[in-house]
């Protein structure tokens, strides 16, 4: 369902201990029986406030406050154009700390690496976790288990898709020498041993996309997609394409959330899908029954919302 709704604090829905603002967070469908875990997602953002980054960050802070966001997921390309030079790079302040300064965003930021991050010091992004109370990047790949309000576990698996992209080899995106088979085996093991009702996989690059300037990623279709299908993963969230998308292929939602600053054009999405070249971010209300998410732009306008049921 596609919706155009203006965010205002007056338009509130209250009940079951949650306060919902239309235009700022996903709906909670009538079939939901458990309270949700709320969080926000952003990608492709670090431009020292330029290209609407500051405005998107301000609105994300407002929306995060309304929904009571527990954490932020960053899907990579955290710093443009060439990553960071080290722990003391000024961009930590000008592209991160000073932009996402709202109290509601002083929560854990679970971040992965994009190709632009690889041009710089990726170890510095990992080590910044020891310096910042909110930046969480324990490694190039990692898992994170969250708990829904009713005690149900949710497993997030954070990938490094950069080494899979053959075009990067021998370039300034320094991925040479990494063992992608080892990462796939790690992913297979993590998903195979998870007993969580929800297993959500996060990567920087899209598997399927409707972007004009980019295309489906054949390396990920060939290598990563079979693992997702084998373990019945229903959600893959990525950035890289500088837009907002929800594309459904073989029952899997491929959600692109790469509009944190500069944006790029998209093709028209197919029936039951969504694409937009507007700036924005994603809000999520995750319950045992459903993954309910929305795309919101820098003005607080609700661009799209839908529900992905766990059982279908």
C-alpha atoms as a PDB file:
ATOM      1  CA  UNK A   1       0.000   0.000   0.000  1.00  0.00           C
ATOM      2  CA  UNK A   2       1.399   3.404  -0.977  1.00  0.00           C
ATOM      3  CA  UNK A   3       0.478   6.344   1.194  1.00  0.00           C
ATOM      4  CA  UNK A   4       1.228  10.074   1.130  1.00  0.00           C
ATOM      5  CA  UNK A   5       0.750  11.331   4.680  1.00  0.00           C
ATOM      6  CA  UNK A   6       2.132  14.404   6.403  1.00  0.00           C
ATOM      7  CA  UNK A   7       3.830  13.820   9.759  1.00  0.00           C
ATOM      8  CA  UNK A   8       2.433  15.792  12.665  1.00  0.00           C
ATOM      9  CA  UNK A   9       2.562  15.059  16.367  1.00  0.00           C
ATOM     10  CA  UNK A  10      -1.175  15.689  16.600  1.00  0.00           C
ATOM     11  CA  UNK A  11      -1.983  12.672  14.476  1.00  0.00           C
ATOM     12  CA  UNK A  12      -1.415  10.000  17.073  1.00  0.00           C
ATOM     13  CA  UNK A  13      -2.736   6.552  17.651  1.00  0.00           C
ATOM     14  CA  UNK A  14      -2.439   5.281  21.181  1.00  0.00           C
ATOM     15  CA  UNK A  15      -2.928   1.891  22.710  1.00  0.00           C
ATOM     16  CA  UNK A  16      -1.197  -1.196  24.092  1.00  0.00           C
ATOM     17  CA  UNK A  17       1.582   0.946  25.529  1.00  0.00           C
ATOM     18  CA  UNK A  18       2.623   2.361  22.142  1.00  0.00           C
ATOM     19  CA  UNK A  19       2.208   5.818  20.654  1.00  0.00           C
ATOM     20  CA  UNK A  20       2.130   5.919  16.865  1.00  0.00           C
ATOM     21  CA  UNK A  21       2.411   8.937  14.601  1.00  0.00           C
ATOM     22  CA  UNK A  22       0.965   8.561  11.134  1.00  0.00           C
ATOM     23  CA  UNK A  23       3.580   9.427   8.565  1.00  0.00           C
ATOM     24  CA  UNK A  24       6.414   8.636  10.945  1.00  0.00           C
ATOM     25  CA  UNK A  25       6.296   4.925  11.538  1.00  0.00           C
ATOM     26  CA  UNK A  26       4.769   1.758  10.175  1.00  0.00           C
ATOM     27  CA  UNK A  27       1.274   0.778  11.063  1.00  0.00           C
ATOM     28  CA  UNK A  28       0.638  -2.075  13.435  1.00  0.00           C
ATOM     29  CA  UNK A  29      -1.888  -4.286  11.691  1.00  0.00           C
ATOM     30  CA  UNK A  30      -5.032  -5.548  13.326  1.00  0.00           C
ATOM     31  CA  UNK A  31      -3.699  -9.113  13.433  1.00  0.00           C
ATOM     32  CA  UNK A  32      -0.706  -8.155  15.594  1.00  0.00           C
ATOM     33  CA  UNK A  33      -1.092  -9.622  19.056  1.00  0.00           C
ATOM     34  CA  UNK A  34       2.262  -8.688  20.577  1.00  0.00           C
ATOM     35  CA  UNK A  35       3.884  -5.261  21.083  1.00  0.00           C
ATOM     36  CA  UNK A  36       6.565  -4.386  18.522  1.00  0.00           C
ATOM     37  CA  UNK A  37      10.289  -3.719  18.551  1.00  0.00           C
ATOM     38  CA  UNK A  38      10.750  -0.328  16.883  1.00  0.00           C
ATOM     39  CA  UNK A  39      13.890   0.830  15.087  1.00  0.00           C
ATOM     40  CA  UNK A  40      15.062   2.982  12.171  1.00  0.00           C
ATOM     41  CA  UNK A  41      17.313   2.251   9.180  1.00  0.00           C
ATOM     42  CA  UNK A  42      19.389   4.571   6.995  1.00  0.00           C
ATOM     43  CA  UNK A  43      21.999   4.130   4.297  1.00  0.00           C
ATOM     44  CA  UNK A  44      24.471   5.985   2.089  1.00  0.00           C
ATOM     45  CA  UNK A  45      24.541   9.091   4.219  1.00  0.00           C
ATOM     46  CA  UNK A  46      27.892  10.614   5.235  1.00  0.00           C
ATOM     47  CA  UNK A  47      28.294  13.891   3.313  1.00  0.00           C
ATOM     48  CA  UNK A  48      28.988  16.421   6.081  1.00  0.00           C
ATOM     49  CA  UNK A  49      25.348  17.462   6.026  1.00  0.00           C
ATOM     50  CA  UNK A  50      25.138  18.080   2.265  1.00  0.00           C
ATOM     51  CA  UNK A  51      22.659  16.620  -0.230  1.00  0.00           C
ATOM     52  CA  UNK A  52      19.855  16.781   2.333  1.00  0.00           C
ATOM     53  CA  UNK A  53      21.747  14.619   4.833  1.00  0.00           C
ATOM     54  CA  UNK A  54      21.158  17.121   7.618  1.00  0.00           C
ATOM     55  CA  UNK A  55      17.441  17.391   6.883  1.00  0.00           C
ATOM     56  CA  UNK A  56      17.004  13.617   6.656  1.00  0.00           C
ATOM     57  CA  UNK A  57      18.893  13.201   9.933  1.00  0.00           C
ATOM     58  CA  UNK A  58      16.721  15.780  11.684  1.00  0.00           C
ATOM     59  CA  UNK A  59      13.498  14.106  10.565  1.00  0.00           C
ATOM     60  CA  UNK A  60      14.845  10.676  11.450  1.00  0.00           C
ATOM     61  CA  UNK A  61      15.449  11.981  14.950  1.00  0.00           C
ATOM     62  CA  UNK A  62      11.878  13.229  15.211  1.00  0.00           C
ATOM     63  CA  UNK A  63      10.429   9.964  13.935  1.00  0.00           C
ATOM     64  CA  UNK A  64      12.713   7.896  16.178  1.00  0.00           C
ATOM     65  CA  UNK A  65      11.461   9.866  19.176  1.00  0.00           C
ATOM     66  CA  UNK A  66       7.814   9.266  18.315  1.00  0.00           C
ATOM     67  CA  UNK A  67       8.189   5.520  17.857  1.00  0.00           C
ATOM     68  CA  UNK A  68      10.606   4.980  20.742  1.00  0.00           C
ATOM     69  CA  UNK A  69      13.288   3.573  18.447  1.00  0.00           C
ATOM     70  CA  UNK A  70      15.562   1.081  20.170  1.00  0.00           C
ATOM     71  CA  UNK A  71      18.451   1.238  17.703  1.00  0.00           C
ATOM     72  CA  UNK A  72      19.589   2.324  14.237  1.00  0.00           C
ATOM     73  CA  UNK A  73      20.771   0.115  11.383  1.00  0.00           C
ATOM     74  CA  UNK A  74      23.201   1.683   8.891  1.00  0.00           C
ATOM     75  CA  UNK A  75      23.483  -0.274   5.651  1.00  0.00           C
ATOM     76  CA  UNK A  76      26.848   1.134   4.580  1.00  0.00           C
ATOM     77  CA  UNK A  77      28.579   3.906   2.641  1.00  0.00           C
ATOM     78  CA  UNK A  78      28.805   5.722   5.915  1.00  0.00           C
ATOM     79  CA  UNK A  79      31.382   8.290   4.714  1.00  0.00           C
ATOM     80  CA  UNK A  80      31.774   9.816   1.245  1.00  0.00           C
ATOM     81  CA  UNK A  81      33.592   9.819  -0.969  1.00  0.00           C
ATOM     82  CA  UNK A  82      36.561   7.911   0.413  1.00  0.00           C
ATOM     83  CA  UNK A  83      35.618   6.592   3.839  1.00  0.00           C
ATOM     84  CA  UNK A  84      37.544   7.867   6.864  1.00  0.00           C
ATOM     85  CA  UNK A  85      41.300   8.254   7.244  1.00  0.00           C
ATOM     86  CA  UNK A  86      41.353   7.127  10.875  1.00  0.00           C
ATOM     87  CA  UNK A  87      39.805   7.547  14.297  1.00  0.00           C
ATOM     88  CA  UNK A  88      40.513  11.282  14.268  1.00  0.00           C
ATOM     89  CA  UNK A  89      39.057  11.999  10.838  1.00  0.00           C
ATOM     90  CA  UNK A  90      36.885  15.157  11.137  1.00  0.00           C
ATOM     91  CA  UNK A  91      34.041  13.350   9.388  1.00  0.00           C
ATOM     92  CA  UNK A  92      33.246  11.452  12.565  1.00  0.00           C
ATOM     93  CA  UNK A  93      32.012  14.787  13.831  1.00  0.00           C
ATOM     94  CA  UNK A  94      30.828  16.555  10.664  1.00  0.00           C
ATOM     95  CA  UNK A  95      29.088  13.568   9.042  1.00  0.00           C
ATOM     96  CA  UNK A  96      27.971  11.574  12.071  1.00  0.00           C
ATOM     97  CA  UNK A  97      28.033  13.024  15.576  1.00  0.00           C
ATOM     98  CA  UNK A  98      26.884  16.541  14.640  1.00  0.00           C
ATOM     99  CA  UNK A  99      24.251  15.378  12.149  1.00  0.00           C
ATOM    100  CA  UNK A 100      22.529  12.636  14.145  1.00  0.00           C
ATOM    101  CA  UNK A 101      22.541  14.598  17.368  1.00  0.00           C
ATOM    102  CA  UNK A 102      18.918  14.079  18.452  1.00  0.00           C
ATOM    103  CA  UNK A 103      18.487  12.410  21.814  1.00  0.00           C
ATOM    104  CA  UNK A 104      16.380   9.706  20.136  1.00  0.00           C
ATOM    105  CA  UNK A 105      19.367   8.720  17.973  1.00  0.00           C
ATOM    106  CA  UNK A 106      21.783   8.259  20.885  1.00  0.00           C
ATOM    107  CA  UNK A 107      20.980   4.569  20.703  1.00  0.00           C
ATOM    108  CA  UNK A 108      23.162   1.763  19.304  1.00  0.00           C
ATOM    109  CA  UNK A 109      24.056   2.213  15.621  1.00  0.00           C
ATOM    110  CA  UNK A 110      24.645  -1.220  14.082  1.00  0.00           C
ATOM    111  CA  UNK A 111      26.684  -0.349  10.989  1.00  0.00           C
ATOM    112  CA  UNK A 112      28.179  -2.259   8.071  1.00  0.00           C
ATOM    113  CA  UNK A 113      30.700  -1.275   5.413  1.00  0.00           C
ATOM    114  CA  UNK A 114      29.947   0.007   1.921  1.00  0.00           C
ATOM    115  CA  UNK A 115      32.262   0.257  -1.055  1.00  0.00           C
ATOM    116  CA  UNK A 116      33.053   3.927  -0.346  1.00  0.00           C
ATOM    117  CA  UNK A 117      34.046   2.980   3.197  1.00  0.00           C
ATOM    118  CA  UNK A 118      36.533   0.508   1.743  1.00  0.00           C
ATOM    119  CA  UNK A 119      38.450   3.293   0.029  1.00  0.00           C
ATOM    120  CA  UNK A 120      39.382   4.579   3.474  1.00  0.00           C
ATOM    121  CA  UNK A 121      40.405   2.956   6.745  1.00  0.00           C
ATOM    122  CA  UNK A 122      37.838   0.245   7.439  1.00  0.00           C
ATOM    123  CA  UNK A 123      39.651  -0.797  10.606  1.00  0.00           C
ATOM    124  CA  UNK A 124      39.048   2.713  11.970  1.00  0.00           C
ATOM    125  CA  UNK A 125      35.304   2.231  11.534  1.00  0.00           C
ATOM    126  CA  UNK A 126      35.553  -1.012  13.496  1.00  0.00           C
ATOM    127  CA  UNK A 127      37.749   0.546  16.190  1.00  0.00           C
ATOM    128  CA  UNK A 128      35.446   3.563  16.550  1.00  0.00           C
ATOM    129  CA  UNK A 129      33.147   1.165  18.394  1.00  0.00           C
ATOM    130  CA  UNK A 130      35.596   1.401  21.321  1.00  0.00           C
ATOM    131  CA  UNK A 131      35.495   5.195  21.217  1.00  0.00           C
ATOM    132  CA  UNK A 132      31.810   5.875  20.691  1.00  0.00           C
ATOM    133  CA  UNK A 133      29.035   4.872  23.096  1.00  0.00           C
ATOM    134  CA  UNK A 134      26.652   4.253  20.165  1.00  0.00           C
ATOM    135  CA  UNK A 135      28.699   3.161  17.116  1.00  0.00           C
ATOM    136  CA  UNK A 136      28.572  -0.645  16.914  1.00  0.00           C
ATOM    137  CA  UNK A 137      30.688  -2.363  14.279  1.00  0.00           C
ATOM    138  CA  UNK A 138      32.400  -5.311  15.994  1.00  0.00           C
ATOM    139  CA  UNK A 139      33.806  -6.591  12.696  1.00  0.00           C
ATOM    140  CA  UNK A 140      33.264  -6.744   8.957  1.00  0.00           C
ATOM    141  CA  UNK A 141      30.583  -9.362   9.592  1.00  0.00           C
ATOM    142  CA  UNK A 142      28.661  -9.947  12.779  1.00  0.00           C
ATOM    143  CA  UNK A 143      25.350 -11.024  14.240  1.00  0.00           C
ATOM    144  CA  UNK A 144      23.040  -9.279  16.645  1.00  0.00           C
ATOM    145  CA  UNK A 145      20.205 -10.849  18.618  1.00  0.00           C
ATOM    146  CA  UNK A 146      17.394  -8.616  19.793  1.00  0.00           C
ATOM    147  CA  UNK A 147      14.439  -9.500  21.983  1.00  0.00           C
ATOM    148  CA  UNK A 148      10.865  -8.504  21.264  1.00  0.00           C
ATOM    149  CA  UNK A 149       8.856  -7.075  24.180  1.00  0.00           C
ATOM    150  CA  UNK A 150       7.237 -10.472  24.736  1.00  0.00           C
ATOM    151  CA  UNK A 151      10.652 -12.195  24.978  1.00  0.00           C
ATOM    152  CA  UNK A 152      10.751 -13.603  21.430  1.00  0.00           C
ATOM    153  CA  UNK A 153      14.267 -13.481  19.904  1.00  0.00           C
ATOM    154  CA  UNK A 154      15.115 -11.890  16.551  1.00  0.00           C
ATOM    155  CA  UNK A 155      18.407 -12.589  14.789  1.00  0.00           C
ATOM    156  CA  UNK A 156      20.041  -9.961  12.569  1.00  0.00           C
ATOM    157  CA  UNK A 157      22.954 -11.062  10.390  1.00  0.00           C
ATOM    158  CA  UNK A 158      25.216  -8.271   9.116  1.00  0.00           C
ATOM    159  CA  UNK A 159      27.265  -9.050   6.000  1.00  0.00           C
ATOM    160  CA  UNK A 160      30.145  -7.523   4.063  1.00  0.00           C
ATOM    161  CA  UNK A 161      29.021  -7.808   0.448  1.00  0.00           C
ATOM    162  CA  UNK A 162      31.933  -5.798  -0.973  1.00  0.00           C
ATOM    163  CA  UNK A 163      34.318  -8.743  -1.535  1.00  0.00           C
ATOM    164  CA  UNK A 164      31.699 -10.499  -3.669  1.00  0.00           C
ATOM    165  CA  UNK A 165      31.746  -7.745  -6.307  1.00  0.00           C
ATOM    166  CA  UNK A 166      34.279  -8.794  -8.942  1.00  0.00           C
ATOM    167  CA  UNK A 167      34.515  -5.288 -10.446  1.00  0.00           C
ATOM    168  CA  UNK A 168      36.174  -4.029  -7.245  1.00  0.00           C
ATOM    169  CA  UNK A 169      39.162  -6.334  -7.454  1.00  0.00           C
ATOM    170  CA  UNK A 170      42.348  -4.493  -8.256  1.00  0.00           C
ATOM    171  CA  UNK A 171      40.729  -1.100  -7.622  1.00  0.00           C
ATOM    172  CA  UNK A 172      40.873   1.436  -4.818  1.00  0.00           C
ATOM    173  CA  UNK A 173      37.952  -0.433  -3.219  1.00  0.00           C
ATOM    174  CA  UNK A 174      40.428  -2.738  -1.519  1.00  0.00           C
ATOM    175  CA  UNK A 175      38.692  -6.109  -1.231  1.00  0.00           C
ATOM    176  CA  UNK A 176      41.394  -8.320  -2.738  1.00  0.00           C
ATOM    177  CA  UNK A 177      42.350 -11.468  -0.866  1.00  0.00           C
ATOM    178  CA  UNK A 178      39.140 -11.890   1.133  1.00  0.00           C
ATOM    179  CA  UNK A 179      37.560 -15.339   1.298  1.00  0.00           C
ATOM    180  CA  UNK A 180      33.932 -15.019   0.240  1.00  0.00           C
ATOM    181  CA  UNK A 181      33.404 -18.767   0.609  1.00  0.00           C
ATOM    182  CA  UNK A 182      34.286 -18.467   4.286  1.00  0.00           C
ATOM    183  CA  UNK A 183      31.732 -15.679   4.702  1.00  0.00           C
ATOM    184  CA  UNK A 184      29.064 -17.765   2.976  1.00  0.00           C
ATOM    185  CA  UNK A 185      29.862 -20.740   5.217  1.00  0.00           C
ATOM    186  CA  UNK A 186      29.623 -18.460   8.265  1.00  0.00           C
ATOM    187  CA  UNK A 187      26.255 -17.140   7.073  1.00  0.00           C
ATOM    188  CA  UNK A 188      24.985 -20.662   6.382  1.00  0.00           C
ATOM    189  CA  UNK A 189      25.995 -21.725   9.886  1.00  0.00           C
ATOM    190  CA  UNK A 190      24.453 -18.695  11.597  1.00  0.00           C
ATOM    191  CA  UNK A 191      21.147 -19.032   9.789  1.00  0.00           C
ATOM    192  CA  UNK A 192      21.117 -22.795  10.171  1.00  0.00           C
ATOM    193  CA  UNK A 193      21.540 -22.717  13.941  1.00  0.00           C
ATOM    194  CA  UNK A 194      19.169 -19.808  14.559  1.00  0.00           C
ATOM    195  CA  UNK A 195      15.878 -20.747  16.178  1.00  0.00           C
ATOM    196  CA  UNK A 196      14.514 -17.195  16.068  1.00  0.00           C
ATOM    197  CA  UNK A 197      11.149 -16.716  14.313  1.00  0.00           C
ATOM    198  CA  UNK A 198      12.692 -13.815  12.386  1.00  0.00           C
ATOM    199  CA  UNK A 199      16.066 -14.033  10.630  1.00  0.00           C
ATOM    200  CA  UNK A 200      16.892 -10.729   8.925  1.00  0.00           C
ATOM    201  CA  UNK A 201      19.964 -10.312   6.719  1.00  0.00           C
ATOM    202  CA  UNK A 202      21.662  -6.941   6.163  1.00  0.00           C
ATOM    203  CA  UNK A 203      24.090  -6.219   3.305  1.00  0.00           C
ATOM    204  CA  UNK A 204      25.292  -3.125   1.496  1.00  0.00           C
ATOM    205  CA  UNK A 205      24.680  -4.204  -2.093  1.00  0.00           C
ATOM    206  CA  UNK A 206      21.267  -5.040  -3.539  1.00  0.00           C
ATOM    207  CA  UNK A 207      20.519  -8.500  -4.822  1.00  0.00           C
ATOM    208  CA  UNK A 208      17.591  -7.324  -6.947  1.00  0.00           C
ATOM    209  CA  UNK A 209      16.979  -3.671  -7.789  1.00  0.00           C
ATOM    210  CA  UNK A 210      14.896  -1.416 -10.013  1.00  0.00           C
ATOM    211  CA  UNK A 211      17.482   1.375 -10.016  1.00  0.00           C
ATOM    212  CA  UNK A 212      18.234   3.005 -13.371  1.00  0.00           C
ATOM    213  CA  UNK A 213      21.946   3.475 -12.920  1.00  0.00           C
ATOM    214  CA  UNK A 214      22.672   0.105 -11.367  1.00  0.00           C
ATOM    215  CA  UNK A 215      21.338  -3.372 -11.843  1.00  0.00           C
ATOM    216  CA  UNK A 216      20.768  -6.694 -10.153  1.00  0.00           C
ATOM    217  CA  UNK A 217      23.974  -8.048  -8.648  1.00  0.00           C
ATOM    218  CA  UNK A 218      24.796 -11.344 -10.396  1.00  0.00           C
ATOM    219  CA  UNK A 219      27.470 -12.350  -7.882  1.00  0.00           C
ATOM    220  CA  UNK A 220      24.965 -12.120  -5.019  1.00  0.00           C
ATOM    221  CA  UNK A 221      22.215 -13.818  -6.993  1.00  0.00           C
ATOM    222  CA  UNK A 222      24.559 -16.718  -7.661  1.00  0.00           C
ATOM    223  CA  UNK A 223      26.235 -17.010  -4.261  1.00  0.00           C
ATOM    224  CA  UNK A 224      24.193 -15.311  -1.541  1.00  0.00           C
ATOM    225  CA  UNK A 225      20.607 -15.822  -2.676  1.00  0.00           C
ATOM    226  CA  UNK A 226      20.673 -19.659  -2.442  1.00  0.00           C
ATOM    227  CA  UNK A 227      21.688 -19.407   1.226  1.00  0.00           C
ATOM    228  CA  UNK A 228      18.807 -17.030   1.975  1.00  0.00           C
ATOM    229  CA  UNK A 229      16.345 -19.307   0.229  1.00  0.00           C
ATOM    230  CA  UNK A 230      17.658 -22.420   1.955  1.00  0.00           C
ATOM    231  CA  UNK A 231      16.997 -20.904   5.356  1.00  0.00           C
ATOM    232  CA  UNK A 232      13.691 -19.250   4.385  1.00  0.00           C
ATOM    233  CA  UNK A 233      14.887 -15.721   5.027  1.00  0.00           C
ATOM    234  CA  UNK A 234      12.061 -13.323   4.177  1.00  0.00           C
ATOM    235  CA  UNK A 235      13.904  -9.991   4.441  1.00  0.00           C
ATOM    236  CA  UNK A 236      17.139  -8.728   2.924  1.00  0.00           C
ATOM    237  CA  UNK A 237      17.882  -5.045   3.636  1.00  0.00           C
ATOM    238  CA  UNK A 238      20.540  -3.118   1.708  1.00  0.00           C
ATOM    239  CA  UNK A 239      21.738   0.265   0.519  1.00  0.00           C
ATOM    240  CA  UNK A 240      24.158   1.137  -2.330  1.00  0.00           C
ATOM    241  CA  UNK A 241      21.388   2.292  -4.677  1.00  0.00           C
ATOM    242  CA  UNK A 242      20.626   5.852  -3.570  1.00  0.00           C
ATOM    243  CA  UNK A 243      16.874   5.471  -3.363  1.00  0.00           C
ATOM    244  CA  UNK A 244      14.080   3.618  -1.592  1.00  0.00           C
ATOM    245  CA  UNK A 245      12.715   0.309  -2.843  1.00  0.00           C
ATOM    246  CA  UNK A 246      10.672  -2.684  -1.843  1.00  0.00           C
ATOM    247  CA  UNK A 247      11.006  -5.426  -4.434  1.00  0.00           C
ATOM    248  CA  UNK A 248       9.563  -8.910  -3.893  1.00  0.00           C
ATOM    249  CA  UNK A 249      11.114 -11.910  -5.647  1.00  0.00           C
ATOM    250  CA  UNK A 250      10.268 -15.525  -4.785  1.00  0.00           C
ATOM    251  CA  UNK A 251       8.595 -14.416  -1.558  1.00  0.00           C
ATOM    252  CA  UNK A 252      11.632 -12.466  -0.284  1.00  0.00           C
ATOM    253  CA  UNK A 253      11.386  -8.708   0.285  1.00  0.00           C
ATOM    254  CA  UNK A 254      14.508  -6.979  -1.027  1.00  0.00           C
ATOM    255  CA  UNK A 255      14.400  -3.619   0.731  1.00  0.00           C
ATOM    256  CA  UNK A 256      16.712  -0.849  -0.451  1.00  0.00           C
ATOM    257  CA  UNK A 257      17.227   2.033   1.981  1.00  0.00           C
ATOM    258  CA  UNK A 258      20.048   4.091   0.470  1.00  0.00           C
ATOM    259  CA  UNK A 259      18.554   7.588   0.399  1.00  0.00           C
ATOM    260  CA  UNK A 260      20.248   9.133   3.422  1.00  0.00           C
ATOM    261  CA  UNK A 261      21.822  11.923   1.346  1.00  0.00           C
ATOM    262  CA  UNK A 262      22.390  12.039  -2.422  1.00  0.00           C
ATOM    263  CA  UNK A 263      19.707  10.196  -4.393  1.00  0.00           C
ATOM    264  CA  UNK A 264      19.500   8.578  -7.827  1.00  0.00           C
ATOM    265  CA  UNK A 265      16.687   7.727 -10.210  1.00  0.00           C
ATOM    266  CA  UNK A 266      14.727   4.488 -10.156  1.00  0.00           C
ATOM    267  CA  UNK A 267      12.519   2.708 -12.640  1.00  0.00           C
ATOM    268  CA  UNK A 268       8.829   2.242 -11.966  1.00  0.00           C
ATOM    269  CA  UNK A 269       8.309  -0.665  -9.582  1.00  0.00           C
ATOM    270  CA  UNK A 270       6.160  -3.637 -10.489  1.00  0.00           C
ATOM    271  CA  UNK A 271       2.730  -4.444  -9.055  1.00  0.00           C
ATOM    272  CA  UNK A 272       2.786  -4.718  -5.282  1.00  0.00           C
ATOM    273  CA  UNK A 273       6.262  -3.183  -5.116  1.00  0.00           C
ATOM    274  CA  UNK A 274       7.630   0.314  -4.503  1.00  0.00           C
ATOM    275  CA  UNK A 275      10.394   2.614  -5.703  1.00  0.00           C
ATOM    276  CA  UNK A 276      11.184   6.279  -5.061  1.00  0.00           C
ATOM    277  CA  UNK A 277      14.125   8.616  -5.644  1.00  0.00           C
ATOM    278  CA  UNK A 278      13.160  10.822  -2.698  1.00  0.00           C
ATOM    279  CA  UNK A 279      15.473  11.284   0.273  1.00  0.00           C
ATOM    280  CA  UNK A 280      14.536   9.366   3.378  1.00  0.00           C
ATOM    281  CA  UNK A 281      14.894   6.495   5.794  1.00  0.00           C
ATOM    282  CA  UNK A 282      12.922   3.526   7.081  1.00  0.00           C
ATOM    283  CA  UNK A 283      11.016   2.961  10.301  1.00  0.00           C
ATOM    284  CA  UNK A 284      10.128  -0.546  11.459  1.00  0.00           C
ATOM    285  CA  UNK A 285       7.736  -2.069  13.972  1.00  0.00           C
ATOM    286  CA  UNK A 286       8.694  -5.720  14.342  1.00  0.00           C
ATOM    287  CA  UNK A 287       6.420  -8.166  16.147  1.00  0.00           C
ATOM    288  CA  UNK A 288       6.203 -11.944  16.237  1.00  0.00           C
ATOM    289  CA  UNK A 289       3.488 -11.758  13.592  1.00  0.00           C
ATOM    290  CA  UNK A 290       4.824  -9.174  11.149  1.00  0.00           C
ATOM    291  CA  UNK A 291       7.648  -6.917   9.977  1.00  0.00           C
ATOM    292  CA  UNK A 292       5.838  -3.621   9.398  1.00  0.00           C
ATOM    293  CA  UNK A 293       7.909  -0.906   7.774  1.00  0.00           C
ATOM    294  CA  UNK A 294       7.582   2.530   6.249  1.00  0.00           C
ATOM    295  CA  UNK A 295       9.671   4.874   4.135  1.00  0.00           C
ATOM    296  CA  UNK A 296       9.589   8.490   5.363  1.00  0.00           C
ATOM    297  CA  UNK A 297      11.164  11.481   3.619  1.00  0.00           C
ATOM    298  CA  UNK A 298      12.983  14.476   5.107  1.00  0.00           C
ATOM    299  CA  UNK A 299       9.721  16.420   5.447  1.00  0.00           C
ATOM    300  CA  UNK A 300       8.059  13.684   7.464  1.00  0.00           C
ATOM    301  CA  UNK A 301       5.856  12.525   4.591  1.00  0.00           C
ATOM    302  CA  UNK A 302       4.986   8.859   4.626  1.00  0.00           C
ATOM    303  CA  UNK A 303       5.960   7.568   1.182  1.00  0.00           C
ATOM    304  CA  UNK A 304       5.128   3.895   1.585  1.00  0.00           C
ATOM    305  CA  UNK A 305       4.155   1.368   4.185  1.00  0.00           C
ATOM    306  CA  UNK A 306       3.567  -2.360   4.085  1.00  0.00           C
ATOM    307  CA  UNK A 307       3.442  -5.429   6.281  1.00  0.00           C
ATOM    308  CA  UNK A 308       5.459  -8.605   5.801  1.00  0.00           C
ATOM    309  CA  UNK A 309       3.773 -11.421   7.711  1.00  0.00           C
ATOM    310  CA  UNK A 310       5.992 -14.057   9.264  1.00  0.00           C
ATOM    311  CA  UNK A 311       3.600 -16.808   8.251  1.00  0.00           C
ATOM    312  CA  UNK A 312       2.145 -16.739   4.764  1.00  0.00           C
END
